[in-house]
């Protein structure tokens, strides 16, 4: 039987006011936002009350230390070694607009109220925008993303601090293609090139127990990582524990969850230490909805879903990126 067709052109109001249907609105356009969701669950999102900028105090020097005995003269020379990085808040707004006639027509019994549906539509767009911004570099009035925090090249400036003159203010990076590797799933002896490269970035970012606790990548290389463990001749892990591969558990690397996100650059994999990474959200701007206002010359109402925040780090050398993955 062929699919049913309809001759009407369905706009938002018409779709939600007429015909018998279930009271739900199903998203068919946006990607999910696993990175934003993971940051919320991991306690990375922090609320900041007021302020023009976000200040992160940094220590980059430890001063001098001397062994002495008796009446030895000790140095009293002061060492600076303390500075601060400053990050600006960035704002995003998504409109919720509805005319009085649309609102009146949407009040049919059993339908989704148009005002409710439009609010959900705008909220979804807001989350979608912020999640996508996390995987891009800052431009215009947008917020910082992982491409800024975990830059692929040296010499970048972040938080007002130049890495060129402050070598301690640099993230770790490994160029997969530039390191002579062929592809993620190419096997060298009993190891895969993708995992060998992951080992390199991990060890560069880690020091003792201070190590990455979240890895974010594209679905392409998430799938490649799964194939290593679920391929022919390997054990298929399907348990529910956090160390297993399966629908009910996280895929992990050295205990860190590996999270796939369709917004992530295909050839990048980020190794994040969330102890030093925060998504600062301005109080009252955490995807909040403003009151509806009426224009003076239209029978309509408009409101906004507003986000205000910034992605910041206070220890850039604990963040890393594996890029140019093939």
Protein backbone atom coordinates (compact mmCIF):
# COMPACT_ATOMS: atom_id res chain seq x y z
CA UNK A 1 0.00 0.00 0.00
CA UNK A 2 1.48 3.39 -0.97
CA UNK A 3 2.06 6.06 1.65
CA UNK A 4 -0.84 8.41 2.23
CA UNK A 5 -0.57 11.93 0.83
CA UNK A 6 -2.25 15.21 1.70
CA UNK A 7 -2.94 18.19 -0.53
CA UNK A 8 -2.75 20.86 2.19
CA UNK A 9 0.33 22.94 2.90
CA UNK A 10 0.79 22.48 6.65
CA UNK A 11 2.23 25.37 8.60
CA UNK A 12 2.89 25.22 12.34
CA UNK A 13 -0.58 26.35 13.42
CA UNK A 14 -2.47 24.15 10.97
CA UNK A 15 -0.45 21.05 11.84
CA UNK A 16 -1.13 21.34 15.54
CA UNK A 17 -4.78 22.45 15.47
CA UNK A 18 -6.49 20.05 13.08
CA UNK A 19 -6.91 16.32 12.61
CA UNK A 20 -6.81 13.60 15.20
CA UNK A 21 -3.29 12.82 16.42
CA UNK A 22 -1.41 11.95 19.56
CA UNK A 23 -0.52 14.85 21.86
CA UNK A 24 3.19 14.93 21.23
CA UNK A 25 5.68 16.80 19.10
CA UNK A 26 8.46 14.65 17.63
CA UNK A 27 11.80 16.23 16.72
CA UNK A 28 12.82 15.25 13.17
CA UNK A 29 15.47 17.86 12.41
CA UNK A 30 17.97 18.51 15.20
CA UNK A 31 20.78 16.27 16.35
CA UNK A 32 20.78 15.16 19.96
CA UNK A 33 23.08 17.06 22.31
CA UNK A 34 25.12 14.39 24.13
CA UNK A 35 28.04 16.70 24.93
CA UNK A 36 25.88 19.30 26.68
CA UNK A 37 24.01 16.52 28.47
CA UNK A 38 27.27 14.87 29.59
CA UNK A 39 28.68 18.17 30.86
CA UNK A 40 25.52 18.72 32.91
CA UNK A 41 25.66 15.22 34.39
CA UNK A 42 29.38 15.57 35.15
CA UNK A 43 28.96 18.79 37.13
CA UNK A 44 30.89 20.79 34.53
CA UNK A 45 28.14 23.39 34.25
CA UNK A 46 28.51 26.10 36.90
CA UNK A 47 26.33 29.13 37.54
CA UNK A 48 28.02 32.53 37.73
CA UNK A 49 26.19 35.44 39.34
CA UNK A 50 26.75 38.68 37.46
CA UNK A 51 30.07 40.10 36.36
CA UNK A 52 31.21 41.41 32.99
CA UNK A 53 33.85 38.69 32.59
CA UNK A 54 34.77 35.32 34.05
CA UNK A 55 38.10 35.39 35.89
CA UNK A 56 40.16 32.23 36.35
CA UNK A 57 43.20 32.67 38.62
CA UNK A 58 46.24 30.72 37.46
CA UNK A 59 49.54 29.71 39.06
CA UNK A 60 52.39 29.10 36.63
CA UNK A 61 55.49 29.49 38.85
CA UNK A 62 56.53 28.09 42.25
CA UNK A 63 59.27 30.46 43.38
CA UNK A 64 62.67 29.41 44.70
CA UNK A 65 63.71 26.75 47.19
CA UNK A 66 67.10 26.42 48.94
CA UNK A 67 68.84 24.00 51.23
CA UNK A 68 70.65 25.79 54.05
CA UNK A 69 72.62 25.31 57.22
CA UNK A 70 73.70 27.60 60.05
CA UNK A 71 73.95 31.26 59.09
CA UNK A 72 73.69 30.82 55.31
CA UNK A 73 72.21 33.86 53.56
CA UNK A 74 68.88 32.98 51.97
CA UNK A 75 67.36 34.54 48.88
CA UNK A 76 64.40 36.86 49.40
CA UNK A 77 63.74 37.55 45.73
CA UNK A 78 60.02 37.51 45.00
CA UNK A 79 58.64 35.32 42.25
CA UNK A 80 55.53 36.36 40.36
CA UNK A 81 54.12 33.09 39.01
CA UNK A 82 50.46 34.11 39.41
CA UNK A 83 48.18 35.57 36.76
CA UNK A 84 44.57 35.32 35.57
CA UNK A 85 42.70 34.44 32.41
CA UNK A 86 39.59 36.40 31.50
CA UNK A 87 36.68 35.08 29.47
CA UNK A 88 33.72 37.07 28.19
CA UNK A 89 30.14 35.89 28.55
CA UNK A 90 28.44 35.07 25.28
CA UNK A 91 24.70 35.21 24.70
CA UNK A 92 22.30 33.33 22.45
CA UNK A 93 18.58 33.93 21.95
CA UNK A 94 15.94 31.94 20.09
CA UNK A 95 12.55 33.64 19.49
CA UNK A 96 9.17 32.19 20.40
CA UNK A 97 6.62 34.07 18.28
CA UNK A 98 2.87 33.44 18.02
CA UNK A 99 -0.02 35.48 16.66
CA UNK A 100 -3.35 35.76 18.48
CA UNK A 101 -5.17 34.08 15.62
CA UNK A 102 -2.79 31.12 15.64
CA UNK A 103 -3.22 30.80 19.40
CA UNK A 104 -7.03 30.89 19.11
CA UNK A 105 -7.08 28.31 16.35
CA UNK A 106 -4.83 25.92 18.29
CA UNK A 107 -7.31 25.49 21.14
CA UNK A 108 -9.06 22.51 19.63
CA UNK A 109 -9.64 19.76 22.18
CA UNK A 110 -7.03 17.00 22.01
CA UNK A 111 -4.40 19.03 20.17
CA UNK A 112 -1.01 20.23 21.34
CA UNK A 113 -1.28 23.89 22.26
CA UNK A 114 0.67 25.87 19.71
CA UNK A 115 2.30 28.06 22.35
CA UNK A 116 3.59 24.93 24.13
CA UNK A 117 4.86 23.42 20.90
CA UNK A 118 6.62 26.59 19.81
CA UNK A 119 8.29 26.93 23.22
CA UNK A 120 9.59 23.35 22.92
CA UNK A 121 10.74 24.07 19.36
CA UNK A 122 12.75 27.10 20.50
CA UNK A 123 14.21 25.33 23.53
CA UNK A 124 15.37 22.46 21.31
CA UNK A 125 17.01 24.93 18.92
CA UNK A 126 18.79 26.63 21.83
CA UNK A 127 20.24 23.34 23.10
CA UNK A 128 21.16 22.36 19.55
CA UNK A 129 23.02 25.65 19.02
CA UNK A 130 25.01 25.44 22.26
CA UNK A 131 25.95 21.81 21.68
CA UNK A 132 27.15 22.61 18.15
CA UNK A 133 29.13 25.61 19.46
CA UNK A 134 31.07 23.35 21.82
CA UNK A 135 32.48 21.57 18.77
CA UNK A 136 33.48 24.64 16.75
CA UNK A 137 35.95 27.46 17.18
CA UNK A 138 34.86 30.88 18.40
CA UNK A 139 33.80 33.39 15.77
CA UNK A 140 31.90 36.66 15.93
CA UNK A 141 29.82 36.71 19.11
CA UNK A 142 29.75 32.94 19.66
CA UNK A 143 31.23 31.16 22.67
CA UNK A 144 34.49 29.24 22.80
CA UNK A 145 34.55 25.60 21.79
CA UNK A 146 36.78 22.57 22.09
CA UNK A 147 38.67 23.69 18.98
CA UNK A 148 39.80 26.74 20.99
CA UNK A 149 40.50 24.97 24.29
CA UNK A 150 42.18 22.04 22.50
CA UNK A 151 43.74 23.86 19.56
CA UNK A 152 45.38 21.88 16.76
CA UNK A 153 48.19 24.43 16.44
CA UNK A 154 50.47 26.27 18.83
CA UNK A 155 50.66 30.03 19.31
CA UNK A 156 46.99 30.62 20.12
CA UNK A 157 45.67 33.15 22.61
CA UNK A 158 43.01 32.06 25.09
CA UNK A 159 41.54 34.04 27.95
CA UNK A 160 43.81 36.94 27.03
CA UNK A 161 46.97 34.86 27.53
CA UNK A 162 49.23 34.20 24.56
CA UNK A 163 50.63 30.69 24.37
CA UNK A 164 53.53 31.96 22.28
CA UNK A 165 55.05 33.81 25.26
CA UNK A 166 53.58 31.48 27.91
CA UNK A 167 54.47 27.94 26.92
CA UNK A 168 52.74 26.54 30.02
CA UNK A 169 49.40 27.74 28.60
CA UNK A 170 49.12 25.14 25.85
CA UNK A 171 47.04 22.03 25.31
CA UNK A 172 48.39 18.66 24.22
CA UNK A 173 47.95 17.56 20.62
CA UNK A 174 48.83 14.68 18.32
CA UNK A 175 48.48 14.82 14.53
CA UNK A 176 47.39 11.30 13.59
CA UNK A 177 48.11 11.74 9.90
CA UNK A 178 51.33 13.64 10.55
CA UNK A 179 52.57 10.87 12.84
CA UNK A 180 52.80 8.40 9.98
CA UNK A 181 49.69 6.40 10.84
CA UNK A 182 47.51 4.94 8.08
CA UNK A 183 44.06 4.52 9.63
CA UNK A 184 42.38 3.98 12.99
CA UNK A 185 41.80 0.28 12.27
CA UNK A 186 45.20 -0.52 10.77
CA UNK A 187 46.84 -3.20 12.87
CA UNK A 188 50.52 -3.05 13.87
CA UNK A 189 51.57 -6.36 15.42
CA UNK A 190 48.84 -6.90 18.01
CA UNK A 191 47.83 -3.23 18.37
CA UNK A 192 45.69 -0.83 16.35
CA UNK A 193 47.04 2.51 15.19
CA UNK A 194 44.01 4.35 16.55
CA UNK A 195 44.55 3.04 20.06
CA UNK A 196 48.32 3.63 19.85
CA UNK A 197 47.62 7.29 19.04
CA UNK A 198 45.03 7.49 21.85
CA UNK A 199 47.70 6.20 24.24
CA UNK A 200 50.00 9.03 23.19
CA UNK A 201 47.49 11.81 23.81
CA UNK A 202 46.33 10.25 27.07
CA UNK A 203 49.85 10.00 28.47
CA UNK A 204 50.68 13.55 27.38
CA UNK A 205 47.62 14.92 29.21
CA UNK A 206 47.97 12.75 32.31
CA UNK A 207 50.26 13.07 35.29
CA UNK A 208 49.83 10.60 38.11
CA UNK A 209 46.16 10.44 39.06
CA UNK A 210 45.44 13.70 37.24
CA UNK A 211 44.22 12.35 33.92
CA UNK A 212 41.45 12.76 31.32
CA UNK A 213 38.04 11.64 32.49
CA UNK A 214 35.98 12.29 29.36
CA UNK A 215 36.66 11.54 25.69
CA UNK A 216 34.46 12.98 22.95
CA UNK A 217 34.61 12.00 19.29
CA UNK A 218 32.53 11.61 16.14
CA UNK A 219 30.31 8.61 15.52
CA UNK A 220 32.78 7.51 12.83
CA UNK A 221 35.66 6.88 15.20
CA UNK A 222 33.38 5.87 18.06
CA UNK A 223 32.27 3.08 15.73
CA UNK A 224 35.88 2.26 14.85
CA UNK A 225 36.76 2.01 18.53
CA UNK A 226 33.82 -0.34 19.06
CA UNK A 227 34.90 -2.50 16.12
CA UNK A 228 38.25 -3.15 17.75
CA UNK A 229 36.49 -4.87 20.63
CA UNK A 230 33.51 -6.32 18.79
CA UNK A 231 35.29 -7.60 15.69
CA UNK A 232 35.89 -11.19 14.70
CA UNK A 233 37.84 -13.13 17.28
CA UNK A 234 37.22 -10.63 20.09
CA UNK A 235 34.94 -10.82 23.10
CA UNK A 236 31.65 -9.00 22.65
CA UNK A 237 30.98 -6.98 25.79
CA UNK A 238 27.28 -6.38 26.37
CA UNK A 239 27.02 -6.06 30.14
CA UNK A 240 25.53 -3.12 31.97
CA UNK A 241 28.62 -2.03 33.87
CA UNK A 242 30.52 1.18 33.11
CA UNK A 243 33.50 -0.78 31.79
CA UNK A 244 31.52 -2.72 29.20
CA UNK A 245 30.50 -2.11 25.63
CA UNK A 246 26.75 -2.27 25.31
CA UNK A 247 23.54 -0.32 25.03
CA UNK A 248 23.17 0.01 28.78
CA UNK A 249 26.72 1.04 29.60
CA UNK A 250 29.36 3.53 28.53
CA UNK A 251 32.13 2.60 26.15
CA UNK A 252 35.27 3.49 28.09
CA UNK A 253 38.97 4.01 27.55
CA UNK A 254 41.11 3.59 30.68
CA UNK A 255 37.99 4.28 32.73
CA UNK A 256 37.00 7.46 30.88
CA UNK A 257 33.65 7.41 29.03
CA UNK A 258 33.93 7.72 25.26
CA UNK A 259 30.99 9.85 24.10
CA UNK A 260 30.01 10.10 20.41
CA UNK A 261 28.50 13.34 19.16
CA UNK A 262 27.35 14.08 15.61
CA UNK A 263 28.41 17.72 16.07
CA UNK A 264 32.02 16.68 16.67
CA UNK A 265 34.50 17.23 13.84
CA UNK A 266 34.82 13.86 12.11
CA UNK A 267 38.61 13.61 12.36
CA UNK A 268 38.97 14.90 15.95
CA UNK A 269 38.95 13.16 19.31
CA UNK A 270 39.09 15.27 22.49
CA UNK A 271 40.67 14.11 25.76
CA UNK A 272 39.18 16.29 28.50
CA UNK A 273 39.93 16.64 32.18
CA UNK A 274 36.69 18.15 33.49
CA UNK A 275 38.37 19.08 36.76
CA UNK A 276 39.86 22.01 34.82
CA UNK A 277 37.06 22.55 32.30
CA UNK A 278 33.81 24.39 33.04
CA UNK A 279 30.78 25.56 31.11
CA UNK A 280 30.02 28.74 33.02
CA UNK A 281 26.36 29.77 32.82
CA UNK A 282 25.18 33.20 33.85
CA UNK A 283 22.50 33.19 36.55
CA UNK A 284 19.07 33.73 35.03
CA UNK A 285 20.34 32.85 31.53
CA UNK A 286 20.35 29.05 31.79
CA UNK A 287 18.08 28.43 28.79
CA UNK A 288 15.56 30.69 30.50
CA UNK A 289 12.38 32.00 28.87
CA UNK A 290 11.65 35.72 28.87
CA UNK A 291 8.09 37.01 29.37
CA UNK A 292 5.98 37.44 26.23
CA UNK A 293 5.77 40.98 24.91
CA UNK A 294 3.32 42.49 22.41
CA UNK A 295 4.39 44.72 19.52
CA UNK A 296 2.49 48.01 19.39
CA UNK A 297 1.13 47.40 15.89
CA UNK A 298 0.50 43.63 15.76
CA UNK A 299 -1.82 41.18 17.50
CA UNK A 300 0.98 38.82 18.36
CA UNK A 301 3.37 37.95 21.17
CA UNK A 302 7.11 37.35 21.21
CA UNK A 303 9.46 35.89 23.82
CA UNK A 304 12.97 34.41 23.79
CA UNK A 305 14.78 31.36 25.11
CA UNK A 306 18.07 32.86 26.30
CA UNK A 307 21.43 31.30 27.13
CA UNK A 308 24.38 33.21 28.54
CA UNK A 309 27.66 31.50 29.28
CA UNK A 310 31.15 30.54 28.23
CA UNK A 311 33.37 27.46 28.02
CA UNK A 312 36.49 28.06 30.13
CA UNK A 313 39.57 26.22 31.35
CA UNK A 314 42.04 26.98 34.14
CA UNK A 315 44.59 24.30 33.18
CA UNK A 316 44.95 24.02 29.46
CA UNK A 317 47.84 21.54 29.47
CA UNK A 318 45.52 18.88 30.94
CA UNK A 319 43.32 19.01 27.81
CA UNK A 320 44.26 17.26 24.58
CA UNK A 321 43.21 16.56 21.00
CA UNK A 322 43.95 13.77 18.56
CA UNK A 323 43.30 15.21 15.09
CA UNK A 324 43.51 14.34 11.40
CA UNK A 325 42.15 10.89 12.22
CA UNK A 326 41.69 8.60 9.26
